[in-house]
Amino acid sequence: MNPIWAKGLLAIVPKMFTDSKGKWSSKRTVSGVLVVSVVTQIETHGITWQTLMLSFIAVLPLCFSVFEKE
């Protein structure tokens, strides 16, 4: 692994989870953790109604973030 590439990646990852004010966004981090969990479950057990519901719950906060005031 190229150390320059890794240094750039480590600088980008925290920016992905912050909002426009620079604070950590809980809806992004929690949704991200749920999506990783869903993907892991789908890889091992396939698509079930439980994974579909969990993915819906993970995406729901991101859908409502469109209606936030700036």
C-alpha atoms as a PDB file:
ATOM      1  CA  MET A   1       0.000   0.000   0.000  1.00  0.00           C
ATOM      2  CA  ASN A   2       1.295   3.401  -0.943  1.00  0.00           C
ATOM      3  CA  PRO A   3       1.735   5.585   2.188  1.00  0.00           C
ATOM      4  CA  ILE A   4       0.722   8.721   0.291  1.00  0.00           C
ATOM      5  CA  TRP A   5      -2.523   7.052  -0.807  1.00  0.00           C
ATOM      6  CA  ALA A   6      -3.254   5.884   2.750  1.00  0.00           C
ATOM      7  CA  LYS A   7      -2.596   9.369   4.127  1.00  0.00           C
ATOM      8  CA  GLY A   8      -5.056  10.862   1.617  1.00  0.00           C
ATOM      9  CA  LEU A   9      -7.671   8.240   2.474  1.00  0.00           C
ATOM     10  CA  LEU A  10      -7.371   8.915   6.187  1.00  0.00           C
ATOM     11  CA  ALA A  11      -7.931  12.610   5.524  1.00  0.00           C
ATOM     12  CA  ILE A  12     -11.053  11.999   3.418  1.00  0.00           C
ATOM     13  CA  VAL A  13     -12.891   9.548   5.689  1.00  0.00           C
ATOM     14  CA  PRO A  14     -13.599  11.998   8.561  1.00  0.00           C
ATOM     15  CA  LYS A  15     -14.939  14.546   6.054  1.00  0.00           C
ATOM     16  CA  MET A  16     -17.490  12.008   4.827  1.00  0.00           C
ATOM     17  CA  PHE A  17     -19.146  11.844   8.256  1.00  0.00           C
ATOM     18  CA  THR A  18     -19.292  15.565   9.009  1.00  0.00           C
ATOM     19  CA  ASP A  19     -22.090  17.927   8.085  1.00  0.00           C
ATOM     20  CA  SER A  20     -21.754  21.396   6.567  1.00  0.00           C
ATOM     21  CA  LYS A  21     -20.991  22.921   9.988  1.00  0.00           C
ATOM     22  CA  GLY A  22     -18.093  20.548  10.626  1.00  0.00           C
ATOM     23  CA  LYS A  23     -19.863  18.502  13.308  1.00  0.00           C
ATOM     24  CA  TRP A  24     -20.077  14.735  13.188  1.00  0.00           C
ATOM     25  CA  SER A  25     -23.378  13.699  11.649  1.00  0.00           C
ATOM     26  CA  SER A  26     -25.065  10.925  13.613  1.00  0.00           C
ATOM     27  CA  LYS A  27     -27.490  10.146  10.814  1.00  0.00           C
ATOM     28  CA  ARG A  28     -24.604   9.477   8.446  1.00  0.00           C
ATOM     29  CA  THR A  29     -22.556   7.386  10.854  1.00  0.00           C
ATOM     30  CA  VAL A  30     -25.466   5.311  12.173  1.00  0.00           C
ATOM     31  CA  SER A  31     -26.815   4.782   8.663  1.00  0.00           C
ATOM     32  CA  GLY A  32     -23.351   3.797   7.490  1.00  0.00           C
ATOM     33  CA  VAL A  33     -22.987   1.205  10.229  1.00  0.00           C
ATOM     34  CA  LEU A  34     -26.441  -0.206   9.438  1.00  0.00           C
ATOM     35  CA  VAL A  35     -25.627  -0.423   5.728  1.00  0.00           C
ATOM     36  CA  VAL A  36     -22.387  -2.296   6.454  1.00  0.00           C
ATOM     37  CA  SER A  37     -24.377  -4.670   8.651  1.00  0.00           C
ATOM     38  CA  VAL A  38     -26.966  -5.204   5.915  1.00  0.00           C
ATOM     39  CA  VAL A  39     -24.321  -5.905   3.294  1.00  0.00           C
ATOM     40  CA  THR A  40     -22.649  -8.437   5.574  1.00  0.00           C
ATOM     41  CA  GLN A  41     -25.959 -10.183   6.247  1.00  0.00           C
ATOM     42  CA  ILE A  42     -26.832 -10.276   2.543  1.00  0.00           C
ATOM     43  CA  GLU A  43     -23.434 -11.792   1.718  1.00  0.00           C
ATOM     44  CA  THR A  44     -23.868 -14.590   4.240  1.00  0.00           C
ATOM     45  CA  HIS A  45     -27.629 -15.298   4.199  1.00  0.00           C
ATOM     46  CA  GLY A  46     -28.919 -13.709   1.007  1.00  0.00           C
ATOM     47  CA  ILE A  47     -31.719 -11.173   0.724  1.00  0.00           C
ATOM     48  CA  THR A  48     -34.412 -11.701   3.329  1.00  0.00           C
ATOM     49  CA  TRP A  49     -37.253  -9.536   4.578  1.00  0.00           C
ATOM     50  CA  GLN A  50     -35.146  -8.672   7.643  1.00  0.00           C
ATOM     51  CA  THR A  51     -32.297  -7.295   5.545  1.00  0.00           C
ATOM     52  CA  LEU A  52     -34.752  -5.320   3.427  1.00  0.00           C
ATOM     53  CA  MET A  53     -36.306  -3.758   6.533  1.00  0.00           C
ATOM     54  CA  LEU A  54     -32.893  -2.941   8.009  1.00  0.00           C
ATOM     55  CA  SER A  55     -31.776  -1.321   4.762  1.00  0.00           C
ATOM     56  CA  PHE A  56     -34.994   0.731   4.729  1.00  0.00           C
ATOM     57  CA  ILE A  57     -34.295   1.874   8.295  1.00  0.00           C
ATOM     58  CA  ALA A  58     -30.721   2.776   7.306  1.00  0.00           C
ATOM     59  CA  VAL A  59     -31.799   4.903   4.341  1.00  0.00           C
ATOM     60  CA  LEU A  60     -34.754   6.597   6.038  1.00  0.00           C
ATOM     61  CA  PRO A  61     -32.772   9.294   7.948  1.00  0.00           C
ATOM     62  CA  LEU A  62     -30.913  10.215   4.791  1.00  0.00           C
ATOM     63  CA  CYS A  63     -34.198  10.642   2.937  1.00  0.00           C
ATOM     64  CA  PHE A  64     -35.534  12.999   5.601  1.00  0.00           C
ATOM     65  CA  SER A  65     -32.322  15.033   5.603  1.00  0.00           C
ATOM     66  CA  VAL A  66     -33.500  16.585   2.333  1.00  0.00           C
ATOM     67  CA  PHE A  67     -36.131  18.545   4.264  1.00  0.00           C
ATOM     68  CA  GLU A  68     -33.710  20.110   6.783  1.00  0.00           C
ATOM     69  CA  LYS A  69     -33.387  23.868   6.982  1.00  0.00           C
ATOM     70  CA  GLU A  70     -29.993  25.316   6.176  1.00  0.00           C
END
